[in-house]
N, C-alpha and C. Protein backbone atom coordinates (compact mmCIF):
# COMPACT_ATOMS: atom_id res chain seq x y z
N MET A 1 0.82 -1.21 0.00
CA MET A 1 0.00 0.00 0.00
C MET A 1 0.86 1.26 0.00
N LEU A 2 2.03 1.21 0.62
CA LEU A 2 2.85 2.41 0.74
C LEU A 2 3.21 3.01 -0.61
N GLU A 3 3.51 2.15 -1.58
CA GLU A 3 3.90 2.66 -2.89
C GLU A 3 2.73 3.31 -3.63
N GLN A 4 1.52 3.13 -3.15
CA GLN A 4 0.34 3.71 -3.78
C GLN A 4 -0.06 5.06 -3.17
N ILE A 5 0.75 5.54 -2.23
CA ILE A 5 0.42 6.78 -1.52
C ILE A 5 1.49 7.82 -1.80
N THR A 6 1.04 9.00 -2.22
CA THR A 6 1.95 10.13 -2.41
C THR A 6 1.44 11.32 -1.61
N VAL A 7 2.38 12.18 -1.22
CA VAL A 7 2.04 13.42 -0.52
C VAL A 7 2.58 14.56 -1.36
N ASN A 8 1.65 15.43 -1.80
CA ASN A 8 2.05 16.54 -2.66
C ASN A 8 2.73 17.63 -1.85
N THR A 9 2.04 18.17 -0.89
CA THR A 9 2.58 19.16 0.05
C THR A 9 1.61 19.24 1.20
N GLN A 10 2.07 19.77 2.34
CA GLN A 10 1.23 19.87 3.52
C GLN A 10 0.54 18.53 3.81
N SER A 11 -0.78 18.49 3.72
CA SER A 11 -1.53 17.25 3.91
C SER A 11 -2.29 16.87 2.66
N SER A 12 -1.76 17.26 1.51
CA SER A 12 -2.36 16.92 0.22
C SER A 12 -1.89 15.52 -0.16
N ILE A 13 -2.78 14.55 0.05
CA ILE A 13 -2.44 13.13 -0.03
C ILE A 13 -3.23 12.48 -1.15
N ARG A 14 -2.57 11.59 -1.88
CA ARG A 14 -3.23 10.84 -2.94
C ARG A 14 -3.01 9.35 -2.73
N VAL A 15 -4.10 8.59 -2.71
CA VAL A 15 -4.05 7.13 -2.59
C VAL A 15 -4.61 6.56 -3.88
N ALA A 16 -3.79 5.80 -4.58
CA ALA A 16 -4.20 5.18 -5.84
C ALA A 16 -4.23 3.68 -5.65
N ALA A 17 -5.40 3.15 -5.34
CA ALA A 17 -5.54 1.71 -5.06
C ALA A 17 -6.86 1.25 -5.64
N GLY A 18 -6.92 1.12 -6.96
CA GLY A 18 -8.19 0.91 -7.65
C GLY A 18 -8.79 2.28 -7.91
N ALA A 19 -9.58 2.77 -6.96
CA ALA A 19 -10.05 4.15 -7.03
C ALA A 19 -8.91 5.09 -6.63
N VAL A 20 -9.01 6.34 -7.07
CA VAL A 20 -8.09 7.38 -6.61
C VAL A 20 -8.80 8.18 -5.52
N ILE A 21 -8.20 8.17 -4.34
CA ILE A 21 -8.74 8.87 -3.18
C ILE A 21 -7.78 9.99 -2.82
N ARG A 22 -8.30 11.20 -2.75
CA ARG A 22 -7.47 12.35 -2.38
C ARG A 22 -7.96 12.95 -1.07
N PHE A 23 -7.00 13.45 -0.30
CA PHE A 23 -7.28 14.16 0.93
C PHE A 23 -6.70 15.57 0.81
N ASP A 24 -7.52 16.57 1.09
CA ASP A 24 -7.08 17.97 1.15
C ASP A 24 -6.20 18.38 -0.03
N PRO A 25 -6.68 18.24 -1.26
CA PRO A 25 -5.83 18.60 -2.41
C PRO A 25 -5.40 20.06 -2.35
N TYR A 26 -4.10 20.27 -2.57
CA TYR A 26 -3.53 21.61 -2.42
C TYR A 26 -2.27 21.71 -3.25
N GLN A 27 -2.11 22.82 -3.95
CA GLN A 27 -0.97 23.06 -4.83
C GLN A 27 -0.79 21.92 -5.85
N ILE A 28 -1.89 21.59 -6.50
CA ILE A 28 -1.92 20.51 -7.49
C ILE A 28 -1.38 21.04 -8.81
N ASP A 29 -0.46 20.31 -9.41
CA ASP A 29 0.06 20.67 -10.72
C ASP A 29 -0.92 20.24 -11.80
N GLY A 30 -1.15 21.12 -12.75
CA GLY A 30 -2.03 20.79 -13.87
C GLY A 30 -3.47 20.62 -13.41
N ALA A 31 -4.20 19.80 -14.15
CA ALA A 31 -5.60 19.53 -13.85
C ALA A 31 -5.87 18.06 -14.12
N PRO A 32 -5.44 17.17 -13.22
CA PRO A 32 -5.53 15.73 -13.50
C PRO A 32 -6.95 15.18 -13.54
N HIS A 33 -7.88 15.83 -12.83
CA HIS A 33 -9.27 15.36 -12.78
C HIS A 33 -9.33 13.85 -12.59
N ASP A 34 -8.63 13.38 -11.57
CA ASP A 34 -8.47 11.94 -11.38
C ASP A 34 -9.13 11.39 -10.13
N ALA A 35 -9.71 12.25 -9.30
CA ALA A 35 -10.20 11.81 -8.00
C ALA A 35 -11.57 11.14 -8.10
N ASP A 36 -11.65 9.92 -7.61
CA ASP A 36 -12.95 9.27 -7.46
C ASP A 36 -13.63 9.71 -6.16
N ILE A 37 -12.81 9.94 -5.13
CA ILE A 37 -13.30 10.42 -3.83
C ILE A 37 -12.34 11.50 -3.34
N VAL A 38 -12.88 12.57 -2.78
CA VAL A 38 -12.08 13.58 -2.10
C VAL A 38 -12.59 13.70 -0.67
N PHE A 39 -11.68 13.59 0.29
CA PHE A 39 -11.97 13.86 1.68
C PHE A 39 -11.35 15.20 2.06
N LEU A 40 -12.14 16.06 2.69
CA LEU A 40 -11.61 17.29 3.28
C LEU A 40 -11.63 17.15 4.79
N THR A 41 -10.55 17.63 5.43
CA THR A 41 -10.48 17.53 6.88
C THR A 41 -11.00 18.78 7.58
N HIS A 42 -10.74 19.96 6.98
CA HIS A 42 -11.21 21.20 7.60
C HIS A 42 -11.10 22.35 6.62
N ALA A 43 -11.46 23.54 7.09
CA ALA A 43 -11.74 24.65 6.17
C ALA A 43 -10.57 25.60 5.95
N HIS A 44 -9.42 25.38 6.52
CA HIS A 44 -8.29 26.28 6.29
C HIS A 44 -7.81 26.19 4.84
N TYR A 45 -7.24 27.28 4.35
CA TYR A 45 -6.97 27.43 2.91
C TYR A 45 -6.04 26.36 2.35
N ASP A 46 -5.13 25.84 3.19
CA ASP A 46 -4.19 24.83 2.71
C ASP A 46 -4.76 23.42 2.79
N HIS A 47 -6.05 23.32 3.14
CA HIS A 47 -6.74 22.03 3.18
C HIS A 47 -8.02 22.07 2.34
N PHE A 48 -8.70 23.20 2.37
CA PHE A 48 -9.87 23.42 1.51
C PHE A 48 -9.52 24.52 0.53
N SER A 49 -9.05 24.10 -0.63
CA SER A 49 -8.67 25.02 -1.71
C SER A 49 -9.62 24.78 -2.88
N PRO A 50 -10.62 25.65 -3.09
CA PRO A 50 -11.56 25.43 -4.18
C PRO A 50 -10.88 25.25 -5.54
N GLU A 51 -9.82 26.02 -5.80
CA GLU A 51 -9.13 25.91 -7.08
C GLU A 51 -8.54 24.51 -7.26
N ASP A 52 -7.93 24.00 -6.21
CA ASP A 52 -7.33 22.67 -6.32
C ASP A 52 -8.38 21.57 -6.35
N LEU A 53 -9.47 21.78 -5.65
CA LEU A 53 -10.57 20.81 -5.75
C LEU A 53 -11.04 20.68 -7.20
N ARG A 54 -11.19 21.81 -7.87
CA ARG A 54 -11.67 21.76 -9.26
C ARG A 54 -10.64 21.07 -10.17
N ARG A 55 -9.36 21.15 -9.82
CA ARG A 55 -8.33 20.51 -10.64
C ARG A 55 -8.37 18.98 -10.53
N VAL A 56 -8.84 18.46 -9.39
CA VAL A 56 -8.80 17.01 -9.21
C VAL A 56 -10.15 16.34 -9.41
N MET A 57 -11.24 17.12 -9.30
CA MET A 57 -12.56 16.49 -9.36
C MET A 57 -13.00 16.19 -10.78
N LYS A 58 -13.82 15.15 -10.90
CA LYS A 58 -14.51 14.77 -12.13
C LYS A 58 -16.01 14.99 -11.92
N PRO A 59 -16.81 14.83 -12.96
CA PRO A 59 -18.25 15.01 -12.75
C PRO A 59 -18.85 14.06 -11.71
N ASP A 60 -18.24 12.88 -11.55
CA ASP A 60 -18.81 11.90 -10.62
C ASP A 60 -17.99 11.73 -9.34
N THR A 61 -17.07 12.65 -9.08
CA THR A 61 -16.29 12.57 -7.84
C THR A 61 -17.21 12.72 -6.64
N VAL A 62 -17.00 11.87 -5.63
CA VAL A 62 -17.74 11.96 -4.38
C VAL A 62 -16.94 12.81 -3.41
N LEU A 63 -17.57 13.84 -2.87
CA LEU A 63 -16.92 14.76 -1.95
C LEU A 63 -17.42 14.49 -0.53
N ALA A 64 -16.47 14.18 0.36
CA ALA A 64 -16.78 13.91 1.76
C ALA A 64 -16.06 14.94 2.63
N ALA A 65 -16.74 15.42 3.66
CA ALA A 65 -16.17 16.49 4.49
C ALA A 65 -16.93 16.55 5.81
N PRO A 66 -16.39 17.29 6.77
CA PRO A 66 -17.14 17.52 8.01
C PRO A 66 -18.50 18.16 7.73
N ALA A 67 -19.50 17.73 8.46
CA ALA A 67 -20.84 18.31 8.29
C ALA A 67 -20.81 19.82 8.51
N SER A 68 -19.90 20.29 9.35
CA SER A 68 -19.81 21.71 9.65
C SER A 68 -19.33 22.55 8.48
N MET A 69 -18.82 21.90 7.43
CA MET A 69 -18.35 22.62 6.25
C MET A 69 -19.39 22.73 5.15
N ARG A 70 -20.58 22.23 5.38
CA ARG A 70 -21.57 22.16 4.31
C ARG A 70 -21.84 23.53 3.67
N GLU A 71 -22.03 24.56 4.49
CA GLU A 71 -22.35 25.87 3.94
C GLU A 71 -21.16 26.50 3.23
N GLU A 72 -19.96 26.34 3.78
CA GLU A 72 -18.77 26.86 3.11
C GLU A 72 -18.58 26.22 1.74
N LEU A 73 -18.83 24.92 1.65
CA LEU A 73 -18.73 24.24 0.37
C LEU A 73 -19.80 24.74 -0.60
N ARG A 74 -21.01 24.91 -0.10
CA ARG A 74 -22.10 25.39 -0.97
C ARG A 74 -21.76 26.76 -1.54
N GLN A 75 -21.24 27.64 -0.69
CA GLN A 75 -20.91 28.98 -1.15
C GLN A 75 -19.79 28.97 -2.19
N ALA A 76 -18.92 27.95 -2.12
CA ALA A 76 -17.84 27.84 -3.10
C ALA A 76 -18.26 27.07 -4.35
N GLY A 77 -19.50 26.60 -4.38
CA GLY A 77 -20.01 25.93 -5.57
C GLY A 77 -19.90 24.43 -5.56
N PHE A 78 -19.72 23.83 -4.39
CA PHE A 78 -19.58 22.38 -4.29
C PHE A 78 -20.74 21.79 -3.50
N MET A 79 -21.12 20.56 -3.87
CA MET A 79 -22.16 19.85 -3.14
C MET A 79 -21.49 18.77 -2.30
N LEU A 80 -21.79 18.77 -1.02
CA LEU A 80 -21.24 17.78 -0.10
C LEU A 80 -22.09 16.53 -0.16
N GLN A 81 -21.53 15.44 -0.69
CA GLN A 81 -22.30 14.20 -0.80
C GLN A 81 -22.26 13.36 0.47
N LYS A 82 -21.13 13.38 1.19
CA LYS A 82 -20.99 12.57 2.40
C LYS A 82 -20.52 13.48 3.54
N ALA A 83 -21.40 13.74 4.48
CA ALA A 83 -21.08 14.59 5.61
C ALA A 83 -20.83 13.71 6.83
N PHE A 84 -19.76 14.01 7.55
CA PHE A 84 -19.40 13.23 8.73
C PHE A 84 -19.29 14.13 9.95
N GLN A 85 -19.61 13.54 11.09
CA GLN A 85 -19.31 14.14 12.38
C GLN A 85 -18.37 13.21 13.14
N ALA A 86 -17.65 13.77 14.09
CA ALA A 86 -16.66 12.99 14.83
C ALA A 86 -17.31 11.76 15.46
N GLY A 87 -16.65 10.62 15.29
CA GLY A 87 -17.13 9.37 15.85
C GLY A 87 -18.03 8.58 14.94
N GLU A 88 -18.52 9.20 13.86
CA GLU A 88 -19.41 8.50 12.94
C GLU A 88 -18.63 7.56 12.02
N SER A 89 -19.28 6.47 11.65
CA SER A 89 -18.75 5.56 10.64
C SER A 89 -19.72 5.51 9.48
N GLY A 90 -19.20 5.18 8.31
CA GLY A 90 -20.05 5.10 7.14
C GLY A 90 -19.33 4.48 5.97
N ASP A 91 -20.02 4.45 4.86
CA ASP A 91 -19.50 3.88 3.62
C ASP A 91 -19.43 4.99 2.58
N VAL A 92 -18.28 5.10 1.94
CA VAL A 92 -18.13 6.06 0.84
C VAL A 92 -17.66 5.29 -0.38
N SER A 93 -18.54 5.14 -1.33
CA SER A 93 -18.22 4.43 -2.59
C SER A 93 -17.63 3.06 -2.33
N GLY A 94 -18.14 2.37 -1.32
CA GLY A 94 -17.69 1.02 -1.02
C GLY A 94 -16.53 0.93 -0.05
N TYR A 95 -16.01 2.07 0.40
CA TYR A 95 -14.91 2.09 1.35
C TYR A 95 -15.44 2.39 2.75
N SER A 96 -15.00 1.61 3.72
CA SER A 96 -15.39 1.83 5.10
C SER A 96 -14.64 3.04 5.65
N VAL A 97 -15.37 3.96 6.29
CA VAL A 97 -14.79 5.20 6.78
C VAL A 97 -15.24 5.44 8.22
N LYS A 98 -14.29 5.85 9.05
CA LYS A 98 -14.63 6.32 10.39
C LYS A 98 -14.04 7.71 10.57
N ALA A 99 -14.85 8.65 11.05
CA ALA A 99 -14.41 10.02 11.28
C ALA A 99 -13.87 10.16 12.70
N VAL A 100 -12.73 10.83 12.81
CA VAL A 100 -12.06 11.02 14.09
C VAL A 100 -11.93 12.52 14.35
N ALA A 101 -12.29 12.97 15.53
CA ALA A 101 -12.17 14.39 15.87
C ALA A 101 -10.72 14.85 15.70
N SER A 102 -10.55 16.03 15.12
CA SER A 102 -9.23 16.59 14.84
C SER A 102 -9.21 18.03 15.37
N TYR A 103 -8.39 18.28 16.40
CA TYR A 103 -8.46 19.59 17.06
C TYR A 103 -7.20 19.82 17.88
N ASN A 104 -7.06 21.06 18.35
CA ASN A 104 -5.95 21.44 19.20
C ASN A 104 -6.33 21.31 20.68
N LEU A 105 -5.34 20.94 21.48
CA LEU A 105 -5.54 20.86 22.92
C LEU A 105 -5.23 22.18 23.62
N ASN A 106 -4.19 22.86 23.18
CA ASN A 106 -3.75 24.07 23.88
C ASN A 106 -3.35 25.17 22.90
N LYS A 107 -4.00 25.18 21.74
CA LYS A 107 -3.77 26.19 20.71
C LYS A 107 -5.14 26.64 20.20
N PRO A 108 -5.24 27.83 19.63
CA PRO A 108 -6.56 28.34 19.21
C PRO A 108 -6.94 28.03 17.77
N PHE A 109 -6.08 27.36 17.01
CA PHE A 109 -6.25 27.31 15.56
C PHE A 109 -7.31 26.31 15.09
N HIS A 110 -7.50 25.23 15.81
CA HIS A 110 -8.44 24.18 15.41
C HIS A 110 -9.29 23.79 16.62
N PRO A 111 -10.30 24.62 16.94
CA PRO A 111 -11.13 24.32 18.11
C PRO A 111 -11.95 23.04 17.91
N LYS A 112 -12.10 22.29 18.96
CA LYS A 112 -12.91 21.06 18.87
C LYS A 112 -14.33 21.38 18.44
N SER A 113 -14.82 22.55 18.84
CA SER A 113 -16.21 22.93 18.52
C SER A 113 -16.45 23.11 17.03
N ASN A 114 -15.39 23.24 16.23
CA ASN A 114 -15.57 23.39 14.78
C ASN A 114 -15.99 22.10 14.10
N GLY A 115 -15.83 20.98 14.78
CA GLY A 115 -16.25 19.71 14.19
C GLY A 115 -15.37 19.22 13.07
N TRP A 116 -14.11 19.63 13.05
CA TRP A 116 -13.20 19.20 11.99
C TRP A 116 -12.68 17.79 12.26
N LEU A 117 -12.16 17.15 11.21
CA LEU A 117 -11.99 15.70 11.26
C LEU A 117 -10.68 15.20 10.69
N GLY A 118 -10.31 14.02 11.15
CA GLY A 118 -9.45 13.10 10.43
C GLY A 118 -10.29 11.90 10.03
N TYR A 119 -9.72 11.01 9.25
CA TYR A 119 -10.48 9.85 8.76
C TYR A 119 -9.65 8.58 8.83
N ILE A 120 -10.32 7.48 9.17
CA ILE A 120 -9.74 6.16 8.98
C ILE A 120 -10.50 5.52 7.82
N VAL A 121 -9.79 5.31 6.71
CA VAL A 121 -10.40 4.75 5.51
C VAL A 121 -9.74 3.39 5.25
N THR A 122 -10.56 2.37 5.12
CA THR A 122 -10.03 1.03 4.86
C THR A 122 -9.96 0.79 3.36
N VAL A 123 -8.74 0.62 2.86
CA VAL A 123 -8.48 0.44 1.44
C VAL A 123 -7.77 -0.90 1.24
N ASN A 124 -8.41 -1.81 0.54
CA ASN A 124 -7.83 -3.13 0.30
C ASN A 124 -7.36 -3.79 1.59
N GLY A 125 -8.16 -3.66 2.63
CA GLY A 125 -7.87 -4.28 3.91
C GLY A 125 -6.93 -3.50 4.80
N CYS A 126 -6.38 -2.37 4.31
CA CYS A 126 -5.45 -1.55 5.07
C CYS A 126 -6.19 -0.36 5.67
N ARG A 127 -6.14 -0.21 6.97
CA ARG A 127 -6.79 0.91 7.65
C ARG A 127 -5.83 2.10 7.64
N ILE A 128 -6.18 3.12 6.85
CA ILE A 128 -5.33 4.29 6.68
C ILE A 128 -5.92 5.44 7.49
N TYR A 129 -5.14 5.95 8.42
CA TYR A 129 -5.57 7.08 9.25
C TYR A 129 -4.91 8.35 8.76
N VAL A 130 -5.72 9.26 8.21
CA VAL A 130 -5.27 10.59 7.82
C VAL A 130 -5.78 11.54 8.90
N ALA A 131 -4.86 12.08 9.69
CA ALA A 131 -5.24 12.72 10.94
C ALA A 131 -5.79 14.12 10.79
N GLY A 132 -5.49 14.82 9.68
CA GLY A 132 -5.85 16.22 9.60
C GLY A 132 -4.97 17.05 10.51
N ASP A 133 -5.38 18.27 10.80
CA ASP A 133 -4.60 19.16 11.67
C ASP A 133 -5.02 18.95 13.11
N THR A 134 -4.21 18.24 13.85
CA THR A 134 -4.60 17.85 15.19
C THR A 134 -3.40 17.83 16.12
N ASP A 135 -3.69 17.88 17.40
CA ASP A 135 -2.71 17.55 18.41
C ASP A 135 -2.88 16.07 18.77
N ALA A 136 -2.08 15.63 19.72
CA ALA A 136 -2.17 14.23 20.15
C ALA A 136 -3.32 14.10 21.15
N THR A 137 -4.52 14.11 20.63
CA THR A 137 -5.74 14.11 21.44
C THR A 137 -6.07 12.70 21.93
N PRO A 138 -6.97 12.60 22.91
CA PRO A 138 -7.42 11.26 23.32
C PRO A 138 -8.03 10.47 22.17
N GLU A 139 -8.75 11.16 21.28
CA GLU A 139 -9.36 10.45 20.13
C GLU A 139 -8.28 9.91 19.20
N ALA A 140 -7.25 10.69 18.95
CA ALA A 140 -6.15 10.22 18.10
C ALA A 140 -5.42 9.05 18.76
N ALA A 141 -5.25 9.11 20.07
CA ALA A 141 -4.54 8.06 20.79
C ALA A 141 -5.33 6.76 20.82
N ALA A 142 -6.64 6.82 20.56
CA ALA A 142 -7.48 5.62 20.56
C ALA A 142 -7.61 4.98 19.19
N VAL A 143 -7.00 5.59 18.17
CA VAL A 143 -7.13 5.09 16.80
C VAL A 143 -6.43 3.74 16.65
N GLN A 144 -7.08 2.86 15.92
CA GLN A 144 -6.48 1.58 15.52
C GLN A 144 -6.34 1.60 14.01
N CYS A 145 -5.11 1.52 13.52
CA CYS A 145 -4.88 1.62 12.09
C CYS A 145 -3.63 0.84 11.71
N ASP A 146 -3.49 0.59 10.42
CA ASP A 146 -2.30 -0.06 9.90
C ASP A 146 -1.27 0.95 9.40
N LEU A 147 -1.76 2.07 8.89
CA LEU A 147 -0.91 3.12 8.34
C LEU A 147 -1.45 4.46 8.83
N ALA A 148 -0.56 5.29 9.38
CA ALA A 148 -0.97 6.61 9.87
C ALA A 148 -0.25 7.69 9.09
N LEU A 149 -0.96 8.75 8.76
CA LEU A 149 -0.38 9.97 8.19
C LEU A 149 -0.65 11.08 9.17
N LEU A 150 0.41 11.54 9.84
CA LEU A 150 0.29 12.44 10.97
C LEU A 150 1.01 13.75 10.72
N PRO A 151 0.43 14.88 11.13
CA PRO A 151 1.13 16.17 11.01
C PRO A 151 2.23 16.25 12.06
N ILE A 152 3.38 16.86 11.68
CA ILE A 152 4.50 16.91 12.61
C ILE A 152 5.11 18.31 12.71
N GLY A 153 4.57 19.30 12.00
CA GLY A 153 5.24 20.58 11.85
C GLY A 153 5.18 21.52 13.02
N GLY A 154 4.32 21.23 14.02
CA GLY A 154 4.20 22.13 15.14
C GLY A 154 3.45 23.40 14.77
N THR A 155 3.43 24.36 15.65
CA THR A 155 2.73 25.65 15.55
C THR A 155 1.22 25.46 15.50
N TYR A 156 0.71 24.86 14.43
CA TYR A 156 -0.73 24.66 14.27
C TYR A 156 -1.17 23.25 14.65
N THR A 157 -0.22 22.35 14.79
CA THR A 157 -0.51 20.94 15.08
C THR A 157 0.51 20.45 16.10
N MET A 158 0.47 19.17 16.40
CA MET A 158 1.54 18.58 17.20
C MET A 158 2.88 18.70 16.47
N ASN A 159 3.95 18.73 17.23
CA ASN A 159 5.28 18.77 16.63
C ASN A 159 5.81 17.36 16.43
N TYR A 160 7.02 17.24 15.92
CA TYR A 160 7.52 15.91 15.57
C TYR A 160 7.69 15.03 16.81
N LYS A 161 8.06 15.61 17.95
CA LYS A 161 8.22 14.81 19.17
C LYS A 161 6.87 14.28 19.65
N GLU A 162 5.86 15.15 19.62
CA GLU A 162 4.52 14.73 20.04
C GLU A 162 3.94 13.71 19.08
N ALA A 163 4.17 13.90 17.78
CA ALA A 163 3.68 12.95 16.78
C ALA A 163 4.38 11.60 16.92
N ALA A 164 5.67 11.62 17.24
CA ALA A 164 6.39 10.36 17.45
C ALA A 164 5.84 9.61 18.65
N ALA A 165 5.55 10.34 19.73
CA ALA A 165 4.97 9.70 20.91
C ALA A 165 3.60 9.11 20.60
N LEU A 166 2.79 9.83 19.81
CA LEU A 166 1.49 9.30 19.40
C LEU A 166 1.67 8.05 18.55
N THR A 167 2.62 8.07 17.64
CA THR A 167 2.88 6.90 16.79
C THR A 167 3.22 5.68 17.64
N ARG A 168 4.07 5.85 18.62
CA ARG A 168 4.42 4.73 19.50
C ARG A 168 3.22 4.25 20.30
N LYS A 169 2.30 5.18 20.60
CA LYS A 169 1.10 4.82 21.35
C LYS A 169 0.15 3.97 20.52
N ILE A 170 -0.11 4.39 19.26
CA ILE A 170 -1.12 3.69 18.46
C ILE A 170 -0.55 2.52 17.67
N GLN A 171 0.76 2.46 17.51
CA GLN A 171 1.45 1.30 16.94
C GLN A 171 0.94 0.88 15.54
N PRO A 172 0.94 1.79 14.58
CA PRO A 172 0.65 1.34 13.21
C PRO A 172 1.83 0.54 12.67
N GLN A 173 1.59 -0.16 11.58
CA GLN A 173 2.70 -0.86 10.93
C GLN A 173 3.66 0.13 10.29
N ALA A 174 3.12 1.25 9.80
CA ALA A 174 3.93 2.27 9.13
C ALA A 174 3.31 3.64 9.37
N VAL A 175 4.14 4.67 9.24
CA VAL A 175 3.66 6.04 9.42
C VAL A 175 4.34 6.95 8.41
N ILE A 176 3.56 7.89 7.87
CA ILE A 176 4.08 8.89 6.94
C ILE A 176 3.83 10.26 7.58
N PRO A 177 4.88 11.02 7.88
CA PRO A 177 4.67 12.36 8.43
C PRO A 177 4.23 13.34 7.36
N THR A 178 3.38 14.29 7.75
CA THR A 178 2.85 15.30 6.83
C THR A 178 2.90 16.66 7.51
N HIS A 179 2.48 17.70 6.76
CA HIS A 179 2.29 19.04 7.32
C HIS A 179 3.59 19.62 7.89
N TYR A 180 4.63 19.54 7.10
CA TYR A 180 5.91 20.15 7.48
C TYR A 180 6.68 20.44 6.20
N GLY A 181 7.69 21.28 6.31
CA GLY A 181 8.60 21.51 5.20
C GLY A 181 8.14 22.51 4.17
N SER A 182 6.97 23.13 4.37
CA SER A 182 6.52 24.16 3.43
C SER A 182 6.00 25.37 4.20
N ILE A 183 4.74 25.36 4.56
CA ILE A 183 4.16 26.49 5.28
C ILE A 183 4.68 26.56 6.71
N VAL A 184 4.83 25.40 7.32
CA VAL A 184 5.29 25.34 8.71
C VAL A 184 6.15 24.09 8.87
N GLY A 185 7.09 24.15 9.80
CA GLY A 185 7.96 23.01 10.04
C GLY A 185 9.10 22.94 9.03
N LYS A 186 10.24 22.46 9.49
CA LYS A 186 11.43 22.36 8.65
C LYS A 186 11.47 21.03 7.92
N LYS A 187 12.15 20.99 6.79
CA LYS A 187 12.34 19.73 6.07
C LYS A 187 12.99 18.68 6.95
N GLU A 188 13.92 19.12 7.80
CA GLU A 188 14.64 18.18 8.65
C GLU A 188 13.74 17.51 9.68
N ASP A 189 12.55 18.08 9.92
CA ASP A 189 11.65 17.51 10.91
C ASP A 189 11.27 16.07 10.56
N GLY A 190 11.22 15.75 9.29
CA GLY A 190 10.92 14.38 8.90
C GLY A 190 11.96 13.41 9.44
N ARG A 191 13.21 13.78 9.31
CA ARG A 191 14.28 12.92 9.81
C ARG A 191 14.27 12.86 11.34
N TYR A 192 14.02 14.01 11.97
CA TYR A 192 13.94 14.02 13.43
C TYR A 192 12.79 13.14 13.91
N PHE A 193 11.67 13.22 13.21
CA PHE A 193 10.51 12.38 13.56
C PHE A 193 10.86 10.91 13.45
N ALA A 194 11.50 10.51 12.35
CA ALA A 194 11.87 9.11 12.16
C ALA A 194 12.78 8.63 13.29
N ASP A 195 13.73 9.46 13.68
CA ASP A 195 14.64 9.08 14.76
C ASP A 195 13.88 8.93 16.08
N ALA A 196 12.90 9.81 16.31
CA ALA A 196 12.15 9.77 17.56
C ALA A 196 11.19 8.58 17.61
N VAL A 197 10.66 8.17 16.45
CA VAL A 197 9.78 7.00 16.42
C VAL A 197 10.55 5.73 16.76
N GLY A 198 11.78 5.62 16.24
CA GLY A 198 12.57 4.42 16.47
C GLY A 198 12.39 3.41 15.36
N SER A 199 13.00 2.27 15.54
CA SER A 199 13.11 1.27 14.47
C SER A 199 11.98 0.25 14.44
N GLU A 200 11.11 0.24 15.45
CA GLU A 200 10.07 -0.80 15.50
C GLU A 200 8.93 -0.53 14.54
N ILE A 201 8.73 0.74 14.15
CA ILE A 201 7.65 1.12 13.24
C ILE A 201 8.28 1.73 12.00
N GLN A 202 7.84 1.32 10.84
CA GLN A 202 8.40 1.84 9.59
C GLN A 202 7.97 3.28 9.38
N VAL A 203 8.94 4.16 9.17
CA VAL A 203 8.67 5.56 8.88
C VAL A 203 9.03 5.80 7.43
N VAL A 204 8.06 6.34 6.65
CA VAL A 204 8.26 6.60 5.23
C VAL A 204 8.17 8.10 5.02
N LEU A 205 9.23 8.69 4.50
CA LEU A 205 9.25 10.14 4.25
C LEU A 205 8.84 10.41 2.82
N ARG A 206 7.84 11.26 2.65
CA ARG A 206 7.35 11.59 1.31
C ARG A 206 7.59 13.05 0.96
N LEU A 207 8.00 13.88 1.90
CA LEU A 207 8.21 15.30 1.64
C LEU A 207 9.69 15.61 1.66
């Protein structure tokens, strides 16, 4: 599954495993119009970019997002087909999905009250956790997954040390760090994160 996952920048993630599933498309080159499903985690510009959404969507793309984003999507010209709230499970185009609360514990940028999300999506038997912009919350620490994509850049999310501790807590088979090396966080944070996780869990650097 790892070879089927790419990270464009920030948390712009593409999973190509039969269907093409994108998360938070941002700074997309060209106009591939390749997404069968798009998941949005929250409404900040580097995660909800209408221009980039239009570059990846097709006429039949299914758009899934927090229920709290319904009006923002409508105003931008998009119809939300699958709305999730934290803790909900559902099916999106045949894929099992569980929504996980994504928020800050001691920062003002991602209040829990906004209803923003990460997702656990099961693809070909692999439970992929895309955390969104979050700290190491109790909900994140309770996640059971095979592959985790976690923000490590700090400032707006947990930093690489906190993300490494969360990784050791939830024990995925592999982890891909995100949300560093561009808007926030240094490129070297990926290497620091890998060192902090240790050798028992596979760390794959995509940025």
